[in-house]
Each structure stands twice: as structure tokens, then as C-alpha cells.
Amino acid sequence: MARTTPPDHPLPHAHEEPLYWRIAAELLAELRDGGIPPGERLPGERQLAAHFRVSRETVRQALQILRRAGLVATDRRGSHAVLPGATAEHVPSLAFPVGAHGAEPGRATVTWEVPSPEHARELGLAPLRPTLVHRYASAAADGSRARTAVTSFSAVAVAEVPELARYRDRADGRASAELWRAYDWMRTAGLTLHHRDAITPLPPTVRVTRRVHDQWDRPLEITDLVVEAQRDALVYEFTLPAAG
């Protein structure tokens, strides 16, 4: 585990906080930086105490803070990180596209087309340059709980992820798009995925914009999801390390 200092966290200022709060913040920063692979067990209290140069009691209190926040869980095997999750197909927050794993069945298609100007700008695509665009839609039988998601992939993602590249010649907008493992494919290609979900209330809907870039800060994809709901605005960021 590499020592890091969290650039921003909601804990008290350094001169006010107890030591265990600072350790909790530093441990959380390391989890988000990928210092511990997703789903892996955390080092034991003794090892963490040596790593942060504090007592085991301080580590125990820091872990308790993270458990209360739902960022660390403890079972018979010990404590493990909850924030990054295990794999994309098992963690709803990592579902592709964002928000696709709901109670209602959905329809997904993929096309090779010029993305929206906003998506092209976010992905660094030249004007009028086509790319892989994925669309997802679902709703309850009565038409309620509608949600739509549009994802545009960058030239980097299409070029470096073989599974995505194969869709170029058959992305006609008619065939069903089986891209639910897209994030796993990216990780298998050696890419670390930095996710940033911005959720904004737009009554009577909520818009979720997910941006994903790799360990070299290259954009990989951007998704806009619109759902029938009302929530407070929030931003959620996490990192999913490359496989292997």
C-alpha cells in the first residue's frame, strides 16, 4: 500500500480531528487509489498499524468509521473494501451502462455514428468523427419508471479493447448489444477505470452523467442516463484497477 494524502474528504481539518479520523481518511484514499484490489481483504490491524505508524486501537477506530460509512465490511475472513466492489457484473454501481440493472427489462442497441457534440468534446473526438454509441432504454409495463442511457466510447476504448472493436462492423442499431461486460473488458485490456458519476436533479427526472478515464487520464466513455426520479445532487467517484 502506497502512502497517500487524500486531496479532499469530508472529515474535520487536521488540527481538529482525532488521529483515528486522519487514518480513516488516509486509508479511504488508498482504497480509492487502487492500493488494495477490489474485493480483496484488507491487511490485518497489526499490519495496518505498522503501515500508518499508529496503535492497533487507532486502526480499529478508523475501521469502525469506515464501516459505519458503508465503505468497509467485516465478515469471518476479516475486513474488506466495499467502495470499489468485486467485479462489474456483481456491483450495481459498476453496471454498464450506469443504471441499466433495474427491475424492468431493457432494450440495448449499438451503432457506429457521430456522437452528440457534448460527448465528442468530452472524448476528444474530432468534429463529425463517428464512434461506437450504445443506447439503453427500460420502463415498467405501465410506462412508469422510464430510464434511457446513451453511451459514447472514445477512439482509445475502441482501439485498445478488442471486444468493443468487434462491434464496429455490426453496429447497425438493430441487433441487441451485449455490452454488459464492457468495464470488465476494459480492465482485461490493462486499463484502470476511474469513474465519476455526477447526479443532478432535473424535475421530474434525474440526470446521471458518468465519465470514465484510464490511468493515463485518457477518456474511455461518457454516459448520460435520464430516470424518472427526484434526488439531491451528488458526485460519486471511484477507481476500478486493471485486471491481473
C-alpha atoms as a PDB file:
ATOM      1  CA  MET A   1       0.000   0.000   0.000  1.00  0.00           C
ATOM      2  CA  ALA A   2       1.454   3.325  -1.041  1.00  0.00           C
ATOM      3  CA  ARG A   3       1.098   6.196   1.391  1.00  0.00           C
ATOM      4  CA  THR A   4      -1.172   8.902   0.024  1.00  0.00           C
ATOM      5  CA  THR A   5      -2.809  12.028   1.366  1.00  0.00           C
ATOM      6  CA  PRO A   6      -6.470  12.455   0.441  1.00  0.00           C
ATOM      7  CA  PRO A   7      -6.847  15.607  -1.672  1.00  0.00           C
ATOM      8  CA  ASP A   8     -10.336  16.223  -0.432  1.00  0.00           C
ATOM      9  CA  HIS A   9     -12.529  14.467   2.107  1.00  0.00           C
ATOM     10  CA  PRO A  10     -15.449  15.364   4.346  1.00  0.00           C
ATOM     11  CA  LEU A  11     -13.583  14.787   7.597  1.00  0.00           C
ATOM     12  CA  PRO A  12     -12.581  17.564  10.041  1.00  0.00           C
ATOM     13  CA  HIS A  13      -9.499  19.684   9.484  1.00  0.00           C
ATOM     14  CA  ALA A  14      -6.168  18.221  10.557  1.00  0.00           C
ATOM     15  CA  HIS A  15      -5.761  20.442  13.609  1.00  0.00           C
ATOM     16  CA  GLU A  16      -9.229  19.441  14.867  1.00  0.00           C
ATOM     17  CA  GLU A  17      -9.519  15.753  14.065  1.00  0.00           C
ATOM     18  CA  PRO A  18      -8.574  12.829  16.287  1.00  0.00           C
ATOM     19  CA  LEU A  19      -5.778  10.653  14.938  1.00  0.00           C
ATOM     20  CA  TYR A  20      -8.136   7.815  14.001  1.00  0.00           C
ATOM     21  CA  TRP A  21     -10.130  10.192  11.756  1.00  0.00           C
ATOM     22  CA  ARG A  22      -6.949  11.047   9.843  1.00  0.00           C
ATOM     23  CA  ILE A  23      -6.069   7.363   9.498  1.00  0.00           C
ATOM     24  CA  ALA A  24      -9.586   6.623   8.254  1.00  0.00           C
ATOM     25  CA  ALA A  25      -9.209   9.356   5.623  1.00  0.00           C
ATOM     26  CA  GLU A  26      -5.790   8.100   4.520  1.00  0.00           C
ATOM     27  CA  LEU A  27      -6.974   4.503   4.315  1.00  0.00           C
ATOM     28  CA  LEU A  28     -10.015   5.563   2.290  1.00  0.00           C
ATOM     29  CA  ALA A  29      -7.773   7.498  -0.103  1.00  0.00           C
ATOM     30  CA  GLU A  30      -5.612   4.419  -0.626  1.00  0.00           C
ATOM     31  CA  LEU A  31      -8.666   2.295  -1.335  1.00  0.00           C
ATOM     32  CA  ARG A  32      -9.841   4.806  -3.919  1.00  0.00           C
ATOM     33  CA  ASP A  33      -6.365   4.952  -5.460  1.00  0.00           C
ATOM     34  CA  GLY A  34      -6.468   1.197  -6.025  1.00  0.00           C
ATOM     35  CA  GLY A  35      -3.850   0.367  -3.393  1.00  0.00           C
ATOM     36  CA  ILE A  36      -5.985  -2.631  -2.476  1.00  0.00           C
ATOM     37  CA  PRO A  37      -7.560  -4.581  -5.396  1.00  0.00           C
ATOM     38  CA  PRO A  38     -11.387  -4.523  -5.459  1.00  0.00           C
ATOM     39  CA  GLY A  39     -12.968  -7.170  -3.256  1.00  0.00           C
ATOM     40  CA  GLU A  40      -9.673  -8.081  -1.617  1.00  0.00           C
ATOM     41  CA  ARG A  41      -9.350  -8.418   2.143  1.00  0.00           C
ATOM     42  CA  LEU A  42      -7.692  -5.510   3.912  1.00  0.00           C
ATOM     43  CA  PRO A  43      -4.422  -6.097   5.762  1.00  0.00           C
ATOM     44  CA  GLY A  44      -4.860  -7.065   9.410  1.00  0.00           C
ATOM     45  CA  GLU A  45      -4.936  -4.500  12.187  1.00  0.00           C
ATOM     46  CA  ARG A  46      -1.317  -5.219  13.128  1.00  0.00           C
ATOM     47  CA  GLN A  47      -0.115  -4.657   9.547  1.00  0.00           C
ATOM     48  CA  LEU A  48      -2.200  -1.500   9.152  1.00  0.00           C
ATOM     49  CA  ALA A  49      -0.874  -0.177  12.453  1.00  0.00           C
ATOM     50  CA  ALA A  50       2.691  -0.667  11.228  1.00  0.00           C
ATOM     51  CA  HIS A  51       1.861   0.864   7.852  1.00  0.00           C
ATOM     52  CA  PHE A  52       0.404   4.046   9.350  1.00  0.00           C
ATOM     53  CA  ARG A  53       2.745   4.023  12.372  1.00  0.00           C
ATOM     54  CA  VAL A  54      -0.092   4.115  14.889  1.00  0.00           C
ATOM     55  CA  SER A  55      -1.503   1.760  17.516  1.00  0.00           C
ATOM     56  CA  ARG A  56      -3.859  -1.097  16.721  1.00  0.00           C
ATOM     57  CA  GLU A  57      -6.560   0.668  18.732  1.00  0.00           C
ATOM     58  CA  THR A  58      -6.288   3.692  16.439  1.00  0.00           C
ATOM     59  CA  VAL A  59      -6.601   1.421  13.392  1.00  0.00           C
ATOM     60  CA  ARG A  60      -9.589  -0.316  14.994  1.00  0.00           C
ATOM     61  CA  GLN A  61     -11.348   3.033  15.498  1.00  0.00           C
ATOM     62  CA  ALA A  62     -10.531   4.126  11.935  1.00  0.00           C
ATOM     63  CA  LEU A  63     -12.004   0.928  10.513  1.00  0.00           C
ATOM     64  CA  GLN A  64     -15.111   1.448  12.601  1.00  0.00           C
ATOM     65  CA  ILE A  65     -15.608   4.865  10.999  1.00  0.00           C
ATOM     66  CA  LEU A  66     -15.333   3.343   7.520  1.00  0.00           C
ATOM     67  CA  ARG A  67     -17.701   0.512   8.461  1.00  0.00           C
ATOM     68  CA  ARG A  68     -20.317   2.991   9.662  1.00  0.00           C
ATOM     69  CA  ALA A  69     -19.987   4.836   6.336  1.00  0.00           C
ATOM     70  CA  GLY A  70     -20.520   1.580   4.431  1.00  0.00           C
ATOM     71  CA  LEU A  71     -17.030   1.718   2.878  1.00  0.00           C
ATOM     72  CA  VAL A  72     -15.599  -1.305   4.683  1.00  0.00           C
ATOM     73  CA  ALA A  73     -17.323  -4.539   5.670  1.00  0.00           C
ATOM     74  CA  THR A  74     -16.200  -7.223   8.093  1.00  0.00           C
ATOM     75  CA  ASP A  75     -17.026 -10.903   7.992  1.00  0.00           C
ATOM     76  CA  ARG A  76     -15.408 -14.114   9.241  1.00  0.00           C
ATOM     77  CA  ARG A  77     -12.486 -13.581   6.847  1.00  0.00           C
ATOM     78  CA  GLY A  78     -11.789 -10.109   8.180  1.00  0.00           C
ATOM     79  CA  SER A  79     -12.360  -6.618   6.808  1.00  0.00           C
ATOM     80  CA  HIS A  80     -12.605  -5.928   3.104  1.00  0.00           C
ATOM     81  CA  ALA A  81     -13.196  -2.885   0.906  1.00  0.00           C
ATOM     82  CA  VAL A  82     -16.759  -2.229  -0.187  1.00  0.00           C
ATOM     83  CA  LEU A  83     -16.243   1.030  -2.113  1.00  0.00           C
ATOM     84  CA  PRO A  84     -14.680  -0.357  -5.340  1.00  0.00           C
ATOM     85  CA  GLY A  85     -16.664  -3.621  -5.327  1.00  0.00           C
ATOM     86  CA  ALA A  86     -15.706  -7.035  -6.631  1.00  0.00           C
ATOM     87  CA  THR A  87     -16.489  -7.056 -10.351  1.00  0.00           C
ATOM     88  CA  ALA A  88     -18.600  -5.004 -12.684  1.00  0.00           C
ATOM     89  CA  GLU A  89     -21.257  -7.668 -13.115  1.00  0.00           C
ATOM     90  CA  HIS A  90     -21.799  -8.073  -9.363  1.00  0.00           C
ATOM     91  CA  VAL A  91     -21.889  -4.467  -8.204  1.00  0.00           C
ATOM     92  CA  PRO A  92     -24.875  -2.327  -9.278  1.00  0.00           C
ATOM     93  CA  SER A  93     -22.869   0.904  -9.107  1.00  0.00           C
ATOM     94  CA  LEU A  94     -20.447  -0.514 -11.701  1.00  0.00           C
ATOM     95  CA  ALA A  95     -23.163  -1.756 -14.072  1.00  0.00           C
ATOM     96  CA  PHE A  96     -22.782  -0.894 -17.735  1.00  0.00           C
ATOM     97  CA  PRO A  97     -24.407   1.284 -18.718  1.00  0.00           C
ATOM     98  CA  VAL A  98     -24.941   3.158 -15.482  1.00  0.00           C
ATOM     99  CA  GLY A  99     -28.455   2.496 -14.173  1.00  0.00           C
ATOM    100  CA  ALA A 100     -29.124  -0.436 -16.506  1.00  0.00           C
ATOM    101  CA  HIS A 101     -29.673  -3.024 -13.771  1.00  0.00           C
ATOM    102  CA  GLY A 102     -33.171  -2.095 -12.704  1.00  0.00           C
ATOM    103  CA  ALA A 103     -36.284  -4.114 -12.010  1.00  0.00           C
ATOM    104  CA  GLU A 104     -37.672  -3.626 -15.559  1.00  0.00           C
ATOM    105  CA  PRO A 105     -36.307  -5.407 -18.641  1.00  0.00           C
ATOM    106  CA  GLY A 106     -34.459  -3.139 -21.028  1.00  0.00           C
ATOM    107  CA  ARG A 107     -33.519  -2.908 -24.676  1.00  0.00           C
ATOM    108  CA  ALA A 108     -29.964  -2.118 -25.761  1.00  0.00           C
ATOM    109  CA  THR A 109     -28.632  -1.354 -29.226  1.00  0.00           C
ATOM    110  CA  VAL A 110     -25.322  -0.123 -30.615  1.00  0.00           C
ATOM    111  CA  THR A 111     -24.500   1.997 -33.656  1.00  0.00           C
ATOM    112  CA  TRP A 112     -21.422   3.441 -35.374  1.00  0.00           C
ATOM    113  CA  GLU A 113     -22.303   7.113 -35.685  1.00  0.00           C
ATOM    114  CA  VAL A 114     -21.292  10.683 -34.942  1.00  0.00           C
ATOM    115  CA  PRO A 115     -21.920  11.257 -31.205  1.00  0.00           C
ATOM    116  CA  SER A 116     -23.508  14.363 -29.732  1.00  0.00           C
ATOM    117  CA  PRO A 117     -21.269  17.470 -29.699  1.00  0.00           C
ATOM    118  CA  GLU A 118     -21.028  17.243 -25.891  1.00  0.00           C
ATOM    119  CA  HIS A 119     -19.890  13.623 -25.985  1.00  0.00           C
ATOM    120  CA  ALA A 120     -17.433  14.311 -28.822  1.00  0.00           C
ATOM    121  CA  ARG A 121     -15.917  17.154 -26.815  1.00  0.00           C
ATOM    122  CA  GLU A 122     -15.601  15.059 -23.638  1.00  0.00           C
ATOM    123  CA  LEU A 123     -13.974  12.196 -25.564  1.00  0.00           C
ATOM    124  CA  GLY A 124     -11.597  14.386 -27.566  1.00  0.00           C
ATOM    125  CA  LEU A 125     -13.101  13.316 -30.893  1.00  0.00           C
ATOM    126  CA  ALA A 126     -12.743  15.474 -33.984  1.00  0.00           C
ATOM    127  CA  PRO A 127     -15.978  17.059 -35.251  1.00  0.00           C
ATOM    128  CA  LEU A 128     -18.144  14.642 -37.251  1.00  0.00           C
ATOM    129  CA  ARG A 129     -15.908  11.682 -36.402  1.00  0.00           C
ATOM    130  CA  PRO A 130     -18.067   8.585 -35.784  1.00  0.00           C
ATOM    131  CA  THR A 131     -17.607   6.204 -32.885  1.00  0.00           C
ATOM    132  CA  LEU A 132     -19.382   3.382 -31.083  1.00  0.00           C
ATOM    133  CA  VAL A 133     -22.614   4.613 -29.472  1.00  0.00           C
ATOM    134  CA  HIS A 134     -24.646   2.401 -27.127  1.00  0.00           C
ATOM    135  CA  ARG A 135     -28.288   3.092 -26.237  1.00  0.00           C
ATOM    136  CA  TYR A 136     -30.305   1.530 -23.448  1.00  0.00           C
ATOM    137  CA  ALA A 137     -33.964   2.043 -22.510  1.00  0.00           C
ATOM    138  CA  SER A 138     -36.311   0.462 -19.984  1.00  0.00           C
ATOM    139  CA  ALA A 139     -39.671   1.125 -18.341  1.00  0.00           C
ATOM    140  CA  ALA A 140     -42.330  -0.617 -16.297  1.00  0.00           C
ATOM    141  CA  ALA A 141     -45.291  -2.198 -18.087  1.00  0.00           C
ATOM    142  CA  ASP A 142     -47.417   0.883 -17.416  1.00  0.00           C
ATOM    143  CA  GLY A 143     -44.769   3.196 -18.834  1.00  0.00           C
ATOM    144  CA  SER A 144     -43.583   4.482 -15.471  1.00  0.00           C
ATOM    145  CA  ARG A 145     -40.026   4.373 -14.118  1.00  0.00           C
ATOM    146  CA  ALA A 146     -38.679   5.099 -17.583  1.00  0.00           C
ATOM    147  CA  ARG A 147     -34.930   5.376 -17.987  1.00  0.00           C
ATOM    148  CA  THR A 148     -32.758   5.963 -21.011  1.00  0.00           C
ATOM    149  CA  ALA A 149     -28.969   5.853 -21.293  1.00  0.00           C
ATOM    150  CA  VAL A 150     -26.707   6.920 -24.153  1.00  0.00           C
ATOM    151  CA  THR A 151     -23.029   5.962 -24.045  1.00  0.00           C
ATOM    152  CA  SER A 152     -20.312   7.073 -26.462  1.00  0.00           C
ATOM    153  CA  PHE A 153     -16.936   5.297 -26.482  1.00  0.00           C
ATOM    154  CA  SER A 154     -13.655   7.057 -27.246  1.00  0.00           C
ATOM    155  CA  ALA A 155     -11.287   6.138 -30.054  1.00  0.00           C
ATOM    156  CA  VAL A 156      -8.911   4.812 -27.379  1.00  0.00           C
ATOM    157  CA  ALA A 157     -11.503   2.409 -25.984  1.00  0.00           C
ATOM    158  CA  VAL A 158     -12.454   1.081 -29.415  1.00  0.00           C
ATOM    159  CA  ALA A 159      -8.823   0.701 -30.479  1.00  0.00           C
ATOM    160  CA  GLU A 160      -7.500  -0.973 -27.306  1.00  0.00           C
ATOM    161  CA  VAL A 161     -10.436  -3.166 -26.253  1.00  0.00           C
ATOM    162  CA  PRO A 162     -10.847  -5.996 -28.806  1.00  0.00           C
ATOM    163  CA  GLU A 163     -14.389  -6.834 -27.702  1.00  0.00           C
ATOM    164  CA  LEU A 164     -15.531  -3.279 -28.422  1.00  0.00           C
ATOM    165  CA  ALA A 165     -13.672  -3.107 -31.745  1.00  0.00           C
ATOM    166  CA  ARG A 166     -15.580  -6.166 -32.985  1.00  0.00           C
ATOM    167  CA  TYR A 167     -18.836  -4.220 -32.758  1.00  0.00           C
ATOM    168  CA  ARG A 168     -17.787  -1.647 -35.365  1.00  0.00           C
ATOM    169  CA  ASP A 169     -18.812  -3.735 -38.383  1.00  0.00           C
ATOM    170  CA  ARG A 170     -22.105  -4.912 -36.885  1.00  0.00           C
ATOM    171  CA  ALA A 171     -23.236  -1.779 -35.059  1.00  0.00           C
ATOM    172  CA  ASP A 172     -26.319  -1.167 -37.190  1.00  0.00           C
ATOM    173  CA  GLY A 173     -28.712  -0.174 -34.413  1.00  0.00           C
ATOM    174  CA  ARG A 174     -30.889  -3.269 -34.902  1.00  0.00           C
ATOM    175  CA  ALA A 175     -29.060  -6.119 -33.208  1.00  0.00           C
ATOM    176  CA  SER A 176     -29.085  -6.368 -29.425  1.00  0.00           C
ATOM    177  CA  ALA A 177     -25.876  -5.072 -27.862  1.00  0.00           C
ATOM    178  CA  GLU A 178     -24.401  -7.467 -25.304  1.00  0.00           C
ATOM    179  CA  LEU A 179     -22.026  -4.938 -23.778  1.00  0.00           C
ATOM    180  CA  TRP A 180     -22.874  -5.532 -20.127  1.00  0.00           C
ATOM    181  CA  ARG A 181     -19.265  -6.666 -19.536  1.00  0.00           C
ATOM    182  CA  ALA A 182     -17.751  -3.552 -21.117  1.00  0.00           C
ATOM    183  CA  TYR A 183     -15.966  -2.460 -17.943  1.00  0.00           C
ATOM    184  CA  ASP A 184     -14.532  -5.943 -17.403  1.00  0.00           C
ATOM    185  CA  TRP A 185     -13.245  -5.971 -20.991  1.00  0.00           C
ATOM    186  CA  MET A 186     -11.518  -2.635 -20.426  1.00  0.00           C
ATOM    187  CA  ARG A 187      -9.856  -3.902 -17.271  1.00  0.00           C
ATOM    188  CA  THR A 188      -8.754  -7.094 -19.052  1.00  0.00           C
ATOM    189  CA  ALA A 189      -7.120  -4.857 -21.678  1.00  0.00           C
ATOM    190  CA  GLY A 190      -4.958  -3.437 -18.865  1.00  0.00           C
ATOM    191  CA  LEU A 191      -6.909  -0.234 -18.252  1.00  0.00           C
ATOM    192  CA  THR A 192      -7.576   1.149 -14.785  1.00  0.00           C
ATOM    193  CA  LEU A 193     -11.020   2.721 -14.756  1.00  0.00           C
ATOM    194  CA  HIS A 194     -11.616   5.994 -12.935  1.00  0.00           C
ATOM    195  CA  HIS A 195     -15.376   6.559 -12.707  1.00  0.00           C
ATOM    196  CA  ARG A 196     -17.047   9.843 -11.898  1.00  0.00           C
ATOM    197  CA  ASP A 197     -20.830   9.886 -11.626  1.00  0.00           C
ATOM    198  CA  ALA A 198     -22.478  13.309 -11.416  1.00  0.00           C
ATOM    199  CA  ILE A 199     -26.141  13.083 -10.399  1.00  0.00           C
ATOM    200  CA  THR A 200     -28.241  16.200 -10.879  1.00  0.00           C
ATOM    201  CA  PRO A 201     -31.968  16.707 -10.184  1.00  0.00           C
ATOM    202  CA  LEU A 202     -33.917  17.934 -13.208  1.00  0.00           C
ATOM    203  CA  PRO A 203     -37.549  17.655 -12.016  1.00  0.00           C
ATOM    204  CA  PRO A 204     -39.354  15.464 -12.724  1.00  0.00           C
ATOM    205  CA  THR A 205     -36.267  13.492 -13.752  1.00  0.00           C
ATOM    206  CA  VAL A 206     -32.694  12.918 -12.623  1.00  0.00           C
ATOM    207  CA  ARG A 207     -29.726  13.016 -14.969  1.00  0.00           C
ATOM    208  CA  VAL A 208     -26.654  10.916 -14.256  1.00  0.00           C
ATOM    209  CA  THR A 209     -23.522  11.666 -16.268  1.00  0.00           C
ATOM    210  CA  ARG A 210     -20.785   9.068 -15.967  1.00  0.00           C
ATOM    211  CA  ARG A 211     -17.298   9.829 -17.223  1.00  0.00           C
ATOM    212  CA  VAL A 212     -14.656   7.097 -17.297  1.00  0.00           C
ATOM    213  CA  HIS A 213     -10.964   7.633 -17.962  1.00  0.00           C
ATOM    214  CA  ASP A 214      -7.932   5.387 -17.630  1.00  0.00           C
ATOM    215  CA  GLN A 215      -4.719   5.564 -15.609  1.00  0.00           C
ATOM    216  CA  TRP A 216      -3.216   7.923 -18.208  1.00  0.00           C
ATOM    217  CA  ASP A 217      -6.205  10.267 -17.967  1.00  0.00           C
ATOM    218  CA  ARG A 218      -7.409   9.281 -21.438  1.00  0.00           C
ATOM    219  CA  PRO A 219     -11.214   9.380 -21.794  1.00  0.00           C
ATOM    220  CA  LEU A 220     -12.793   5.982 -22.401  1.00  0.00           C
ATOM    221  CA  GLU A 221     -16.521   6.624 -22.381  1.00  0.00           C
ATOM    222  CA  ILE A 222     -19.244   9.003 -21.323  1.00  0.00           C
ATOM    223  CA  THR A 223     -22.812   8.028 -20.462  1.00  0.00           C
ATOM    224  CA  ASP A 224     -25.904  10.170 -19.964  1.00  0.00           C
ATOM    225  CA  LEU A 225     -28.695   8.437 -18.051  1.00  0.00           C
ATOM    226  CA  VAL A 226     -32.107  10.047 -17.510  1.00  0.00           C
ATOM    227  CA  VAL A 227     -34.515   8.489 -14.992  1.00  0.00           C
ATOM    228  CA  GLU A 228     -37.898   9.428 -13.570  1.00  0.00           C
ATOM    229  CA  ALA A 229     -36.899  10.323 -10.019  1.00  0.00           C
ATOM    230  CA  GLN A 230     -36.036  13.199  -7.731  1.00  0.00           C
ATOM    231  CA  ARG A 231     -32.913  13.226  -5.543  1.00  0.00           C
ATOM    232  CA  ASP A 232     -30.411  15.592  -4.086  1.00  0.00           C
ATOM    233  CA  ALA A 233     -27.460  16.277  -6.342  1.00  0.00           C
ATOM    234  CA  LEU A 234     -24.272  14.380  -5.538  1.00  0.00           C
ATOM    235  CA  VAL A 235     -20.987  13.321  -7.095  1.00  0.00           C
ATOM    236  CA  TYR A 236     -19.578   9.822  -6.632  1.00  0.00           C
ATOM    237  CA  GLU A 237     -16.069   8.871  -7.720  1.00  0.00           C
ATOM    238  CA  PHE A 238     -14.198   5.583  -7.545  1.00  0.00           C
ATOM    239  CA  THR A 239     -11.413   3.647  -9.241  1.00  0.00           C
ATOM    240  CA  LEU A 240     -11.524   0.105 -10.610  1.00  0.00           C
ATOM    241  CA  PRO A 241      -7.953  -1.232 -11.126  1.00  0.00           C
ATOM    242  CA  ALA A 242      -6.947  -3.143 -14.225  1.00  0.00           C
ATOM    243  CA  ALA A 243      -7.316  -6.907 -14.119  1.00  0.00           C
ATOM    244  CA  GLY A 244      -4.339  -9.125 -13.444  1.00  0.00           C
END
